[in-house]
Amino acid sequence: MPAVEVFYFQEAEDNVPLIRWLDQLPAKAQQKCQVRLERLESMGSDLRRPEADYLRDDIYELRASCQGVHYRMLYFFHGRAAVVVSHGIVKEQRVPPREIELAVKRRRVFESCPGKHAFKRK
C-alpha cells in the first residue's frame, strides 16, 4: 500500500505536537526526521526496519538517528490511505510505554473527529 497521505495530530488550533518537537531539534536531526516522513508518505505500510517498526496497539515508530541520538516519531494508520503522526520523542533504551499510551489515546481522539485533529503541513 504505497503512497499515503501523512497528517500530523493536532490537539487544538496552532497546537501540533510533532511540529513543536521538530522545532526544538538541531537542524541536522530535523532534516533526517523530514526524510523519514517523506519516505513514510511514499511507501506507507511497505516501510520497514530500519526506518519504521511496529510497537503495539496499532502504533508504529518512524526511526531516525543523528550523531548517536535516536529520534522516534509515533504514528498510526487511518484507513488505507492516511497516516497520522502523533508526536516525537528522543529514545533512550526503548520507547517508554507512556509514550505509546499517549499515541493510542491520540488515535482514539483522532478517530472520533478526524477533521478537527488532522494537520497537513504544506
PDB file of N, CA and C in Angstrom:
ATOM      1  N   MET A   1       0.836  -1.196   0.000  1.00  0.00           N
ATOM      2  CA  MET A   1       0.000   0.000   0.000  1.00  0.00           C
ATOM      3  C   MET A   1       0.871   1.245   0.000  1.00  0.00           C
ATOM      4  N   PRO A   2       1.662   1.439  -1.011  1.00  0.00           N
ATOM      5  CA  PRO A   2       2.489   2.638  -1.059  1.00  0.00           C
ATOM      6  C   PRO A   2       1.666   3.906  -1.258  1.00  0.00           C
ATOM      7  N   ALA A   3       2.330   5.024  -1.087  1.00  0.00           N
ATOM      8  CA  ALA A   3       1.758   6.353  -1.267  1.00  0.00           C
ATOM      9  C   ALA A   3       0.541   6.604  -0.381  1.00  0.00           C
ATOM     10  N   VAL A   4       0.820   7.144   0.783  1.00  0.00           N
ATOM     11  CA  VAL A   4      -0.229   7.525   1.721  1.00  0.00           C
ATOM     12  C   VAL A   4      -0.136   9.029   1.965  1.00  0.00           C
ATOM     13  N   GLU A   5      -1.211   9.569   2.481  1.00  0.00           N
ATOM     14  CA  GLU A   5      -1.203  10.973   2.870  1.00  0.00           C
ATOM     15  C   GLU A   5      -0.823  11.034   4.342  1.00  0.00           C
ATOM     16  N   VAL A   6       0.141  11.873   4.678  1.00  0.00           N
ATOM     17  CA  VAL A   6       0.614  11.986   6.058  1.00  0.00           C
ATOM     18  C   VAL A   6       0.035  13.246   6.698  1.00  0.00           C
ATOM     19  N   PHE A   7      -0.615  13.047   7.833  1.00  0.00           N
ATOM     20  CA  PHE A   7      -1.143  14.146   8.639  1.00  0.00           C
ATOM     21  C   PHE A   7      -0.419  14.147   9.975  1.00  0.00           C
ATOM     22  N   TYR A   8      -0.418  15.290  10.637  1.00  0.00           N
ATOM     23  CA  TYR A   8       0.109  15.386  11.993  1.00  0.00           C
ATOM     24  C   TYR A   8      -1.082  15.567  12.924  1.00  0.00           C
ATOM     25  N   PHE A   9      -1.027  14.911  14.072  1.00  0.00           N
ATOM     26  CA  PHE A   9      -2.094  15.064  15.052  1.00  0.00           C
ATOM     27  C   PHE A   9      -2.106  16.502  15.554  1.00  0.00           C
ATOM     28  N   GLN A  10      -3.292  17.096  15.592  1.00  0.00           N
ATOM     29  CA  GLN A  10      -3.466  18.473  16.070  1.00  0.00           C
ATOM     30  C   GLN A  10      -4.367  18.456  17.288  1.00  0.00           C
ATOM     31  N   GLU A  11      -3.844  18.958  18.415  1.00  0.00           N
ATOM     32  CA  GLU A  11      -4.652  18.998  19.638  1.00  0.00           C
ATOM     33  C   GLU A  11      -5.689  20.101  19.565  1.00  0.00           C
ATOM     34  N   ALA A  12      -5.255  21.262  19.158  1.00  0.00           N
ATOM     35  CA  ALA A  12      -6.134  22.428  19.019  1.00  0.00           C
ATOM     36  C   ALA A  12      -5.510  23.330  17.964  1.00  0.00           C
ATOM     37  N   GLU A  13      -6.194  24.398  17.615  1.00  0.00           N
ATOM     38  CA  GLU A  13      -5.661  25.339  16.632  1.00  0.00           C
ATOM     39  C   GLU A  13      -4.237  25.745  17.008  1.00  0.00           C
ATOM     40  N   ASP A  14      -3.326  25.633  16.062  1.00  0.00           N
ATOM     41  CA  ASP A  14      -1.916  26.003  16.270  1.00  0.00           C
ATOM     42  C   ASP A  14      -1.218  25.191  17.354  1.00  0.00           C
ATOM     43  N   ASN A  15      -1.693  23.996  17.663  1.00  0.00           N
ATOM     44  CA  ASN A  15      -1.041  23.146  18.657  1.00  0.00           C
ATOM     45  C   ASN A  15      -0.842  21.764  18.047  1.00  0.00           C
ATOM     46  N   VAL A  16       0.282  21.620  17.354  1.00  0.00           N
ATOM     47  CA  VAL A  16       0.628  20.370  16.680  1.00  0.00           C
ATOM     48  C   VAL A  16       1.886  19.822  17.360  1.00  0.00           C
ATOM     49  N   PRO A  17       1.734  18.789  18.206  1.00  0.00           N
ATOM     50  CA  PRO A  17       2.868  18.288  18.988  1.00  0.00           C
ATOM     51  C   PRO A  17       4.110  17.940  18.165  1.00  0.00           C
ATOM     52  N   LEU A  18       3.945  17.337  16.988  1.00  0.00           N
ATOM     53  CA  LEU A  18       5.123  16.955  16.203  1.00  0.00           C
ATOM     54  C   LEU A  18       5.900  18.175  15.749  1.00  0.00           C
ATOM     55  N   ILE A  19       5.208  19.217  15.320  1.00  0.00           N
ATOM     56  CA  ILE A  19       5.900  20.422  14.853  1.00  0.00           C
ATOM     57  C   ILE A  19       6.628  21.103  16.009  1.00  0.00           C
ATOM     58  N   ARG A  20       5.974  21.178  17.172  1.00  0.00           N
ATOM     59  CA  ARG A  20       6.647  21.756  18.358  1.00  0.00           C
ATOM     60  C   ARG A  20       7.934  20.984  18.651  1.00  0.00           C
ATOM     61  N   TRP A  21       7.855  19.659  18.597  1.00  0.00           N
ATOM     62  CA  TRP A  21       9.008  18.806  18.888  1.00  0.00           C
ATOM     63  C   TRP A  21      10.105  18.989  17.841  1.00  0.00           C
ATOM     64  N   LEU A  22       9.723  18.947  16.563  1.00  0.00           N
ATOM     65  CA  LEU A  22      10.710  19.107  15.493  1.00  0.00           C
ATOM     66  C   LEU A  22      11.431  20.447  15.591  1.00  0.00           C
ATOM     67  N   ASP A  23      10.697  21.493  15.920  1.00  0.00           N
ATOM     68  CA  ASP A  23      11.285  22.834  16.007  1.00  0.00           C
ATOM     69  C   ASP A  23      12.366  22.934  17.081  1.00  0.00           C
ATOM     70  N   GLN A  24      12.349  22.029  18.049  1.00  0.00           N
ATOM     71  CA  GLN A  24      13.342  22.057  19.131  1.00  0.00           C
ATOM     72  C   GLN A  24      14.599  21.248  18.801  1.00  0.00           C
ATOM     73  N   LEU A  25      14.570  20.499  17.714  1.00  0.00           N
ATOM     74  CA  LEU A  25      15.702  19.640  17.364  1.00  0.00           C
ATOM     75  C   LEU A  25      16.767  20.422  16.606  1.00  0.00           C
ATOM     76  N   PRO A  26      18.018  19.935  16.668  1.00  0.00           N
ATOM     77  CA  PRO A  26      19.061  20.537  15.834  1.00  0.00           C
ATOM     78  C   PRO A  26      18.686  20.398  14.352  1.00  0.00           C
ATOM     79  N   ALA A  27      19.187  21.311  13.530  1.00  0.00           N
ATOM     80  CA  ALA A  27      18.830  21.347  12.109  1.00  0.00           C
ATOM     81  C   ALA A  27      19.079  20.015  11.407  1.00  0.00           C
ATOM     82  N   LYS A  28      20.203  19.392  11.673  1.00  0.00           N
ATOM     83  CA  LYS A  28      20.535  18.126  11.010  1.00  0.00           C
ATOM     84  C   LYS A  28      19.544  17.029  11.405  1.00  0.00           C
ATOM     85  N   ALA A  29      19.146  16.987  12.657  1.00  0.00           N
ATOM     86  CA  ALA A  29      18.167  15.994  13.121  1.00  0.00           C
ATOM     87  C   ALA A  29      16.801  16.276  12.488  1.00  0.00           C
ATOM     88  N   GLN A  30      16.435  17.552  12.371  1.00  0.00           N
ATOM     89  CA  GLN A  30      15.180  17.911  11.706  1.00  0.00           C
ATOM     90  C   GLN A  30      15.167  17.388  10.273  1.00  0.00           C
ATOM     91  N   GLN A  31      16.279  17.551   9.579  1.00  0.00           N
ATOM     92  CA  GLN A  31      16.374  17.093   8.193  1.00  0.00           C
ATOM     93  C   GLN A  31      16.211  15.573   8.106  1.00  0.00           C
ATOM     94  N   LYS A  32      16.864  14.847   9.001  1.00  0.00           N
ATOM     95  CA  LYS A  32      16.754  13.385   8.982  1.00  0.00           C
ATOM     96  C   LYS A  32      15.325  12.941   9.265  1.00  0.00           C
ATOM     97  N   CYS A  33      14.664  13.603  10.212  1.00  0.00           N
ATOM     98  CA  CYS A  33      13.271  13.265  10.520  1.00  0.00           C
ATOM     99  C   CYS A  33      12.375  13.579   9.326  1.00  0.00           C
ATOM    100  N   GLN A  34      12.629  14.688   8.649  1.00  0.00           N
ATOM    101  CA  GLN A  34      11.826  15.056   7.482  1.00  0.00           C
ATOM    102  C   GLN A  34      11.982  14.038   6.363  1.00  0.00           C
ATOM    103  N   VAL A  35      13.195  13.532   6.171  1.00  0.00           N
ATOM    104  CA  VAL A  35      13.420  12.495   5.162  1.00  0.00           C
ATOM    105  C   VAL A  35      12.609  11.249   5.504  1.00  0.00           C
ATOM    106  N   ARG A  36      12.554  10.881   6.767  1.00  0.00           N
ATOM    107  CA  ARG A  36      11.765   9.712   7.175  1.00  0.00           C
ATOM    108  C   ARG A  36      10.275   9.938   6.923  1.00  0.00           C
ATOM    109  N   LEU A  37       9.798  11.136   7.222  1.00  0.00           N
ATOM    110  CA  LEU A  37       8.389  11.455   6.976  1.00  0.00           C
ATOM    111  C   LEU A  37       8.068  11.365   5.480  1.00  0.00           C
ATOM    112  N   GLU A  38       8.982  11.820   4.640  1.00  0.00           N
ATOM    113  CA  GLU A  38       8.781  11.733   3.192  1.00  0.00           C
ATOM    114  C   GLU A  38       8.780  10.276   2.726  1.00  0.00           C
ATOM    115  N   ARG A  39       9.655   9.461   3.300  1.00  0.00           N
ATOM    116  CA  ARG A  39       9.684   8.028   2.956  1.00  0.00           C
ATOM    117  C   ARG A  39       8.387   7.354   3.391  1.00  0.00           C
ATOM    118  N   LEU A  40       7.875   7.731   4.556  1.00  0.00           N
ATOM    119  CA  LEU A  40       6.606   7.176   5.016  1.00  0.00           C
ATOM    120  C   LEU A  40       5.500   7.537   4.039  1.00  0.00           C
ATOM    121  N   GLU A  41       5.499   8.771   3.584  1.00  0.00           N
ATOM    122  CA  GLU A  41       4.472   9.215   2.642  1.00  0.00           C
ATOM    123  C   GLU A  41       4.554   8.435   1.329  1.00  0.00           C
ATOM    124  N   SER A  42       5.752   8.156   0.860  1.00  0.00           N
ATOM    125  CA  SER A  42       5.889   7.470  -0.429  1.00  0.00           C
ATOM    126  C   SER A  42       5.716   5.954  -0.320  1.00  0.00           C
ATOM    127  N   MET A  43       6.020   5.376   0.847  1.00  0.00           N
ATOM    128  CA  MET A  43       5.991   3.914   0.960  1.00  0.00           C
ATOM    129  C   MET A  43       4.842   3.370   1.810  1.00  0.00           C
ATOM    130  N   GLY A  44       4.250   4.190   2.671  1.00  0.00           N
ATOM    131  CA  GLY A  44       3.144   3.736   3.506  1.00  0.00           C
ATOM    132  C   GLY A  44       3.497   2.519   4.333  1.00  0.00           C
ATOM    133  N   SER A  45       2.628   1.542   4.336  1.00  0.00           N
ATOM    134  CA  SER A  45       2.842   0.356   5.180  1.00  0.00           C
ATOM    135  C   SER A  45       3.952  -0.547   4.663  1.00  0.00           C
ATOM    136  N   ASP A  46       4.501  -0.258   3.480  1.00  0.00           N
ATOM    137  CA  ASP A  46       5.636  -1.031   2.970  1.00  0.00           C
ATOM    138  C   ASP A  46       6.954  -0.611   3.630  1.00  0.00           C
ATOM    139  N   LEU A  47       6.954   0.485   4.362  1.00  0.00           N
ATOM    140  CA  LEU A  47       8.162   0.951   5.036  1.00  0.00           C
ATOM    141  C   LEU A  47       8.474   0.031   6.211  1.00  0.00           C
ATOM    142  N   ARG A  48       9.684  -0.483   6.277  1.00  0.00           N
ATOM    143  CA  ARG A  48      10.091  -1.455   7.304  1.00  0.00           C
ATOM    144  C   ARG A  48      11.376  -1.018   7.984  1.00  0.00           C
ATOM    145  N   ARG A  49      11.826  -1.869   8.923  1.00  0.00           N
ATOM    146  CA  ARG A  49      13.095  -1.633   9.601  1.00  0.00           C
ATOM    147  C   ARG A  49      14.202  -1.521   8.569  1.00  0.00           C
ATOM    148  N   PRO A  50      15.133  -0.665   8.749  1.00  0.00           N
ATOM    149  CA  PRO A  50      15.427   0.106   9.952  1.00  0.00           C
ATOM    150  C   PRO A  50      14.708   1.456  10.024  1.00  0.00           C
ATOM    151  N   GLU A  51      13.887   1.777   9.035  1.00  0.00           N
ATOM    152  CA  GLU A  51      13.249   3.094   9.008  1.00  0.00           C
ATOM    153  C   GLU A  51      11.983   3.179   9.850  1.00  0.00           C
ATOM    154  N   ALA A  52      11.259   2.082   9.982  1.00  0.00           N
ATOM    155  CA  ALA A  52       9.998   2.070  10.719  1.00  0.00           C
ATOM    156  C   ALA A  52       9.842   0.715  11.393  1.00  0.00           C
ATOM    157  N   ASP A  53       9.025   0.676  12.437  1.00  0.00           N
ATOM    158  CA  ASP A  53       8.775  -0.592  13.128  1.00  0.00           C
ATOM    159  C   ASP A  53       7.440  -0.513  13.853  1.00  0.00           C
ATOM    160  N   TYR A  54       6.837  -1.687  14.033  1.00  0.00           N
ATOM    161  CA  TYR A  54       5.583  -1.789  14.777  1.00  0.00           C
ATOM    162  C   TYR A  54       5.905  -1.845  16.266  1.00  0.00           C
ATOM    163  N   LEU A  55       5.166  -1.080  17.080  1.00  0.00           N
ATOM    164  CA  LEU A  55       5.360  -1.125  18.530  1.00  0.00           C
ATOM    165  C   LEU A  55       4.306  -2.033  19.154  1.00  0.00           C
ATOM    166  N   ARG A  56       3.063  -1.532  19.232  1.00  0.00           N
ATOM    167  CA  ARG A  56       1.936  -2.322  19.736  1.00  0.00           C
ATOM    168  C   ARG A  56       0.656  -1.506  19.591  1.00  0.00           C
ATOM    169  N   ASP A  57      -0.489  -2.170  19.751  1.00  0.00           N
ATOM    170  CA  ASP A  57      -1.784  -1.479  19.728  1.00  0.00           C
ATOM    171  C   ASP A  57      -1.968  -0.579  18.505  1.00  0.00           C
ATOM    172  N   ASP A  58      -1.531  -1.057  17.343  1.00  0.00           N
ATOM    173  CA  ASP A  58      -1.639  -0.314  16.077  1.00  0.00           C
ATOM    174  C   ASP A  58      -0.826   0.979  16.053  1.00  0.00           C
ATOM    175  N   ILE A  59       0.203   1.040  16.888  1.00  0.00           N
ATOM    176  CA  ILE A  59       1.102   2.196  16.907  1.00  0.00           C
ATOM    177  C   ILE A  59       2.454   1.756  16.334  1.00  0.00           C
ATOM    178  N   TYR A  60       3.000   2.602  15.465  1.00  0.00           N
ATOM    179  CA  TYR A  60       4.281   2.343  14.814  1.00  0.00           C
ATOM    180  C   TYR A  60       5.254   3.456  15.173  1.00  0.00           C
ATOM    181  N   GLU A  61       6.536   3.194  14.943  1.00  0.00           N
ATOM    182  CA  GLU A  61       7.540   4.233  15.145  1.00  0.00           C
ATOM    183  C   GLU A  61       8.293   4.467  13.848  1.00  0.00           C
ATOM    184  N   LEU A  62       8.532   5.715  13.548  1.00  0.00           N
ATOM    185  CA  LEU A  62       9.375   6.136  12.448  1.00  0.00           C
ATOM    186  C   LEU A  62      10.722   6.445  13.082  1.00  0.00           C
ATOM    187  N   ARG A  63      11.785   5.850  12.552  1.00  0.00           N
ATOM    188  CA  ARG A  63      13.081   5.869  13.217  1.00  0.00           C
ATOM    189  C   ARG A  63      14.097   6.717  12.459  1.00  0.00           C
ATOM    190  N   ALA A  64      14.765   7.606  13.187  1.00  0.00           N
ATOM    191  CA  ALA A  64      15.853   8.403  12.620  1.00  0.00           C
ATOM    192  C   ALA A  64      16.929   8.540  13.686  1.00  0.00           C
ATOM    193  N   SER A  65      18.175   8.576  13.253  1.00  0.00           N
ATOM    194  CA  SER A  65      19.292   8.761  14.176  1.00  0.00           C
ATOM    195  C   SER A  65      20.222   9.815  13.619  1.00  0.00           C
ATOM    196  N   CYS A  66      20.822  10.561  14.537  1.00  0.00           N
ATOM    197  CA  CYS A  66      21.744  11.621  14.139  1.00  0.00           C
ATOM    198  C   CYS A  66      22.761  11.807  15.254  1.00  0.00           C
ATOM    199  N   GLN A  67      24.018  11.620  14.940  1.00  0.00           N
ATOM    200  CA  GLN A  67      25.122  11.803  15.897  1.00  0.00           C
ATOM    201  C   GLN A  67      24.886  11.029  17.188  1.00  0.00           C
ATOM    202  N   GLY A  68      24.466   9.785  17.056  1.00  0.00           N
ATOM    203  CA  GLY A  68      24.292   8.908  18.207  1.00  0.00           C
ATOM    204  C   GLY A  68      22.999   9.104  18.988  1.00  0.00           C
ATOM    205  N   VAL A  69      22.153  10.030  18.555  1.00  0.00           N
ATOM    206  CA  VAL A  69      20.875  10.263  19.226  1.00  0.00           C
ATOM    207  C   VAL A  69      19.778   9.612  18.376  1.00  0.00           C
ATOM    208  N   HIS A  70      18.883   8.877  19.036  1.00  0.00           N
ATOM    209  CA  HIS A  70      17.818   8.167  18.334  1.00  0.00           C
ATOM    210  C   HIS A  70      16.498   8.915  18.486  1.00  0.00           C
ATOM    211  N   TYR A  71      15.940   9.320  17.367  1.00  0.00           N
ATOM    212  CA  TYR A  71      14.686  10.061  17.334  1.00  0.00           C
ATOM    213  C   TYR A  71      13.587   9.118  16.855  1.00  0.00           C
ATOM    214  N   ARG A  72      12.418   9.224  17.484  1.00  0.00           N
ATOM    215  CA  ARG A  72      11.288   8.387  17.109  1.00  0.00           C
ATOM    216  C   ARG A  72      10.038   9.244  16.962  1.00  0.00           C
ATOM    217  N   MET A  73       9.302   8.983  15.890  1.00  0.00           N
ATOM    218  CA  MET A  73       8.020   9.647  15.663  1.00  0.00           C
ATOM    219  C   MET A  73       6.964   8.552  15.664  1.00  0.00           C
ATOM    220  N   LEU A  74       6.009   8.644  16.574  1.00  0.00           N
ATOM    221  CA  LEU A  74       4.984   7.619  16.711  1.00  0.00           C
ATOM    222  C   LEU A  74       3.801   7.961  15.811  1.00  0.00           C
ATOM    223  N   TYR A  75       3.297   6.931  15.125  1.00  0.00           N
ATOM    224  CA  TYR A  75       2.211   7.161  14.174  1.00  0.00           C
ATOM    225  C   TYR A  75       1.269   5.976  14.116  1.00  0.00           C
ATOM    226  N   PHE A  76       0.126   6.224  13.470  1.00  0.00           N
ATOM    227  CA  PHE A  76      -0.870   5.174  13.269  1.00  0.00           C
ATOM    228  C   PHE A  76      -1.534   5.390  11.911  1.00  0.00           C
ATOM    229  N   PHE A  77      -2.117   4.329  11.400  1.00  0.00           N
ATOM    230  CA  PHE A  77      -2.820   4.404  10.123  1.00  0.00           C
ATOM    231  C   PHE A  77      -4.278   4.762  10.363  1.00  0.00           C
ATOM    232  N   HIS A  78      -4.814   5.557   9.450  1.00  0.00           N
ATOM    233  CA  HIS A  78      -6.233   5.897   9.469  1.00  0.00           C
ATOM    234  C   HIS A  78      -6.780   5.458   8.118  1.00  0.00           C
ATOM    235  N   GLY A  79      -7.481   4.354   8.118  1.00  0.00           N
ATOM    236  CA  GLY A  79      -7.935   3.782   6.860  1.00  0.00           C
ATOM    237  C   GLY A  79      -6.753   3.221   6.093  1.00  0.00           C
ATOM    238  N   ARG A  80      -6.898   3.164   4.782  1.00  0.00           N
ATOM    239  CA  ARG A  80      -5.846   2.563   3.954  1.00  0.00           C
ATOM    240  C   ARG A  80      -4.900   3.590   3.339  1.00  0.00           C
ATOM    241  N   ALA A  81      -5.315   4.843   3.303  1.00  0.00           N
ATOM    242  CA  ALA A  81      -4.533   5.820   2.559  1.00  0.00           C
ATOM    243  C   ALA A  81      -4.031   6.996   3.391  1.00  0.00           C
ATOM    244  N   ALA A  82      -4.161   6.916   4.716  1.00  0.00           N
ATOM    245  CA  ALA A  82      -3.714   8.035   5.547  1.00  0.00           C
ATOM    246  C   ALA A  82      -2.939   7.532   6.759  1.00  0.00           C
ATOM    247  N   VAL A  83      -1.956   8.321   7.140  1.00  0.00           N
ATOM    248  CA  VAL A  83      -1.150   8.077   8.332  1.00  0.00           C
ATOM    249  C   VAL A  83      -1.217   9.338   9.172  1.00  0.00           C
ATOM    250  N   VAL A  84      -1.325   9.155  10.490  1.00  0.00           N
ATOM    251  CA  VAL A  84      -1.336  10.294  11.402  1.00  0.00           C
ATOM    252  C   VAL A  84      -0.144  10.147  12.344  1.00  0.00           C
ATOM    253  N   VAL A  85       0.722  11.155  12.353  1.00  0.00           N
ATOM    254  CA  VAL A  85       1.890  11.151  13.235  1.00  0.00           C
ATOM    255  C   VAL A  85       1.479  11.841  14.527  1.00  0.00           C
ATOM    256  N   SER A  86       1.539  11.084  15.618  1.00  0.00           N
ATOM    257  CA  SER A  86       1.093  11.574  16.920  1.00  0.00           C
ATOM    258  C   SER A  86       2.065  12.595  17.510  1.00  0.00           C
ATOM    259  N   HIS A  87       3.315  12.175  17.674  1.00  0.00           N
ATOM    260  CA  HIS A  87       4.311  13.036  18.301  1.00  0.00           C
ATOM    261  C   HIS A  87       5.691  12.402  18.145  1.00  0.00           C
ATOM    262  N   GLY A  88       6.708  13.125  18.594  1.00  0.00           N
ATOM    263  CA  GLY A  88       8.073  12.632  18.511  1.00  0.00           C
ATOM    264  C   GLY A  88       8.733  12.610  19.874  1.00  0.00           C
ATOM    265  N   ILE A  89       9.732  11.732  19.996  1.00  0.00           N
ATOM    266  CA  ILE A  89      10.499  11.628  21.240  1.00  0.00           C
ATOM    267  C   ILE A  89      11.963  11.358  20.910  1.00  0.00           C
ATOM    268  N   VAL A  90      12.806  11.601  21.886  1.00  0.00           N
ATOM    269  CA  VAL A  90      14.180  11.135  21.824  1.00  0.00           C
ATOM    270  C   VAL A  90      14.201   9.830  22.598  1.00  0.00           C
ATOM    271  N   LYS A  91      14.601   8.777  21.928  1.00  0.00           N
ATOM    272  CA  LYS A  91      14.541   7.445  22.512  1.00  0.00           C
ATOM    273  C   LYS A  91      15.788   7.184  23.337  1.00  0.00           C
ATOM    274  N   GLU A  92      15.574   6.538  24.470  1.00  0.00           N
ATOM    275  CA  GLU A  92      16.710   6.113  25.282  1.00  0.00           C
ATOM    276  C   GLU A  92      16.943   4.630  24.984  1.00  0.00           C
ATOM    277  N   GLN A  93      16.610   3.727  25.900  1.00  0.00           N
ATOM    278  CA  GLN A  93      16.794   2.295  25.675  1.00  0.00           C
ATOM    279  C   GLN A  93      15.683   1.725  24.803  1.00  0.00           C
ATOM    280  N   ARG A  94      14.447   2.086  25.126  1.00  0.00           N
ATOM    281  CA  ARG A  94      13.289   1.655  24.350  1.00  0.00           C
ATOM    282  C   ARG A  94      12.229   2.730  24.446  1.00  0.00           C
ATOM    283  N   VAL A  95      11.242   2.650  23.598  1.00  0.00           N
ATOM    284  CA  VAL A  95      10.166   3.646  23.632  1.00  0.00           C
ATOM    285  C   VAL A  95       9.370   3.416  24.919  1.00  0.00           C
ATOM    286  N   PRO A  96       9.290   4.416  25.790  1.00  0.00           N
ATOM    287  CA  PRO A  96       8.569   4.243  27.052  1.00  0.00           C
ATOM    288  C   PRO A  96       7.087   3.921  26.820  1.00  0.00           C
ATOM    289  N   PRO A  97       6.534   3.004  27.612  1.00  0.00           N
ATOM    290  CA  PRO A  97       5.111   2.657  27.474  1.00  0.00           C
ATOM    291  C   PRO A  97       4.188   3.867  27.541  1.00  0.00           C
ATOM    292  N   ARG A  98       4.510   4.886  28.341  1.00  0.00           N
ATOM    293  CA  ARG A  98       3.642   6.063  28.453  1.00  0.00           C
ATOM    294  C   ARG A  98       3.557   6.810  27.117  1.00  0.00           C
ATOM    295  N   GLU A  99       4.620   6.765  26.325  1.00  0.00           N
ATOM    296  CA  GLU A  99       4.598   7.423  25.013  1.00  0.00           C
ATOM    297  C   GLU A  99       3.706   6.665  24.038  1.00  0.00           C
ATOM    298  N   ILE A 100       3.733   5.344  24.122  1.00  0.00           N
ATOM    299  CA  ILE A 100       2.851   4.529  23.283  1.00  0.00           C
ATOM    300  C   ILE A 100       1.403   4.771  23.698  1.00  0.00           C
ATOM    301  N   GLU A 101       1.160   4.825  25.008  1.00  0.00           N
ATOM    302  CA  GLU A 101      -0.195   5.089  25.506  1.00  0.00           C
ATOM    303  C   GLU A 101      -0.706   6.448  25.041  1.00  0.00           C
ATOM    304  N   LEU A 102       0.175   7.434  25.015  1.00  0.00           N
ATOM    305  CA  LEU A 102      -0.211   8.763  24.521  1.00  0.00           C
ATOM    306  C   LEU A 102      -0.632   8.673  23.058  1.00  0.00           C
ATOM    307  N   ALA A 103       0.117   7.936  22.252  1.00  0.00           N
ATOM    308  CA  ALA A 103      -0.236   7.765  20.838  1.00  0.00           C
ATOM    309  C   ALA A 103      -1.556   7.024  20.684  1.00  0.00           C
ATOM    310  N   VAL A 104      -1.798   6.011  21.531  1.00  0.00           N
ATOM    311  CA  VAL A 104      -3.066   5.266  21.498  1.00  0.00           C
ATOM    312  C   VAL A 104      -4.222   6.211  21.830  1.00  0.00           C
ATOM    313  N   LYS A 105      -4.028   7.025  22.851  1.00  0.00           N
ATOM    314  CA  LYS A 105      -5.064   7.992  23.254  1.00  0.00           C
ATOM    315  C   LYS A 105      -5.347   8.978  22.120  1.00  0.00           C
ATOM    316  N   ARG A 106      -4.293   9.465  21.481  1.00  0.00           N
ATOM    317  CA  ARG A 106      -4.472  10.411  20.377  1.00  0.00           C
ATOM    318  C   ARG A 106      -5.149   9.741  19.189  1.00  0.00           C
ATOM    319  N   ARG A 107      -4.875   8.460  18.960  1.00  0.00           N
ATOM    320  CA  ARG A 107      -5.555   7.736  17.880  1.00  0.00           C
ATOM    321  C   ARG A 107      -7.062   7.719  18.135  1.00  0.00           C
ATOM    322  N   ARG A 108      -7.450   7.440  19.368  1.00  0.00           N
ATOM    323  CA  ARG A 108      -8.882   7.411  19.706  1.00  0.00           C
ATOM    324  C   ARG A 108      -9.519   8.789  19.509  1.00  0.00           C
ATOM    325  N   VAL A 109      -8.829   9.819  19.963  1.00  0.00           N
ATOM    326  CA  VAL A 109      -9.335  11.190  19.807  1.00  0.00           C
ATOM    327  C   VAL A 109      -9.460  11.522  18.325  1.00  0.00           C
ATOM    328  N   PHE A 110      -8.437  11.178  17.562  1.00  0.00           N
ATOM    329  CA  PHE A 110      -8.455  11.454  16.126  1.00  0.00           C
ATOM    330  C   PHE A 110      -9.624  10.750  15.453  1.00  0.00           C
ATOM    331  N   GLU A 111      -9.808   9.489  15.767  1.00  0.00           N
ATOM    332  CA  GLU A 111     -10.861   8.709  15.123  1.00  0.00           C
ATOM    333  C   GLU A 111     -12.257   9.223  15.464  1.00  0.00           C
ATOM    334  N   SER A 112     -12.395   9.876  16.614  1.00  0.00           N
ATOM    335  CA  SER A 112     -13.707  10.423  16.989  1.00  0.00           C
ATOM    336  C   SER A 112     -14.067  11.661  16.166  1.00  0.00           C
ATOM    337  N   CYS A 113     -13.045  12.380  15.673  1.00  0.00           N
ATOM    338  CA  CYS A 113     -13.306  13.596  14.891  1.00  0.00           C
ATOM    339  C   CYS A 113     -12.075  13.933  14.035  1.00  0.00           C
ATOM    340  N   PRO A 114     -11.854  13.165  12.958  1.00  0.00           N
ATOM    341  CA  PRO A 114     -10.638  13.349  12.160  1.00  0.00           C
ATOM    342  C   PRO A 114     -10.428  14.771  11.641  1.00  0.00           C
ATOM    343  N   GLY A 115     -11.479  15.412  11.181  1.00  0.00           N
ATOM    344  CA  GLY A 115     -11.324  16.749  10.619  1.00  0.00           C
ATOM    345  C   GLY A 115     -10.788  17.768  11.605  1.00  0.00           C
ATOM    346  N   LYS A 116     -11.105  17.597  12.856  1.00  0.00           N
ATOM    347  CA  LYS A 116     -10.681  18.538  13.902  1.00  0.00           C
ATOM    348  C   LYS A 116      -9.231  18.314  14.309  1.00  0.00           C
ATOM    349  N   HIS A 117      -8.733  17.092  14.139  1.00  0.00           N
ATOM    350  CA  HIS A 117      -7.408  16.750  14.670  1.00  0.00           C
ATOM    351  C   HIS A 117      -6.370  16.419  13.597  1.00  0.00           C
ATOM    352  N   ALA A 118      -6.655  16.742  12.353  1.00  0.00           N
ATOM    353  CA  ALA A 118      -5.710  16.471  11.262  1.00  0.00           C
ATOM    354  C   ALA A 118      -5.063  17.759  10.812  1.00  0.00           C
ATOM    355  N   PHE A 119      -3.748  17.788  10.846  1.00  0.00           N
ATOM    356  CA  PHE A 119      -2.993  18.937  10.357  1.00  0.00           C
ATOM    357  C   PHE A 119      -2.138  18.455   9.192  1.00  0.00           C
ATOM    358  N   LYS A 120      -2.193  19.169   8.095  1.00  0.00           N
ATOM    359  CA  LYS A 120      -1.389  18.827   6.911  1.00  0.00           C
ATOM    360  C   LYS A 120      -0.362  19.920   6.690  1.00  0.00           C
ATOM    361  N   ARG A 121       0.913  19.552   6.800  1.00  0.00           N
ATOM    362  CA  ARG A 121       1.981  20.529   6.578  1.00  0.00           C
ATOM    363  C   ARG A 121       2.100  20.826   5.089  1.00  0.00           C
ATOM    364  N   LYS A 122       2.275  22.060   4.769  1.00  0.00           N
ATOM    365  CA  LYS A 122       2.359  22.468   3.358  1.00  0.00           C
ATOM    366  C   LYS A 122       3.751  22.323   2.823  1.00  0.00           C
TER     367      LYS A 122
END
